[in-house]
Amino acid sequence: MPSREVRRDDGDLIDAARRGDANAFGSLVEAHQHEVYTLALRLVGEREMAADVAQEAFVRAWRAMPNFRGDARFGTWMHRITVNTAWTMRRRELRRRHEELDPDRHAPEAAGVDPLEMIEAADARPRLMAALDELSPSVRIVVVLKDVYDWSHGEIATHLGITVTAAKVRLHRGRKQLRDLLWEERRRA
C-alpha cells in the first residue's frame, strides 16, 4: 500500500513528470499501481489481462503527462485512463477470441472491514465473481463502475461513449441478471 508521504507529494511529482522526469513518474506509478491494478482486475476479471491493462494505462498516462491539467486528482485521472484502456483491450480481446473467461479468479482483499464482514464477503465473493462472469462485458463494466466505484451514470456514459440512458439500462440489466443468477444458485443449494 502506498505511503501517505508519497500521496502528499503527488503535486511535486506531477510537476516533475510533466517536465519529462521519468523517476518522478515512476514514483507516481508506485503510489497508484495497486489502485489501478485493482480497478483493472474488477473490470476485466482476469489477473493477466488486468496486469496488461494496468501497464498500458500507465504507458498512456506517461504519453499524456505533459497535457495533464490537474483539473482532477492524479488518481482520478488514472482511473479514467484505466477504464478506457480496459474497455479498449477487452473489446480487442473479445474480437480476437470467442471463448469463455477463465473461471480461475482472484479478487483483491477488502481493507478496513471488520472480520465477520470479511468472512461473509469472502464466502460470497466466488459466487458473485462467477455471476459477474455470466454478464456480457458491456454490462459488467457498468455494474462494476457504478456499484464498486460509485461512478455517476454520466461519468460512466462519457467514458464508455454511450448515452446516460444506455448506462442506466445496462446497470438495470446487470443487477437483474446478478440477482437472478444468485437467487437461482441459492435455490439449488
Foldseek 3Di string as FASTA:
>chain_A
DADVVLVVCLVVLLVVLLVPPVVSLVSVCVRQVVVLLQLLCQLQVDNVVSVVLSVVLSVVCSVCSVVDPPPDRPNVVSSLSSLLSSLVVNVVVCVVDPDADDLDGDHDQDPPDDPVVSVVCVVCVSVLSVLLSPQDSVLSNLLCCCVVVNDQLVSVCVSVVHDSVVSVVSPVVSVVSSVVSVVVVVVVD
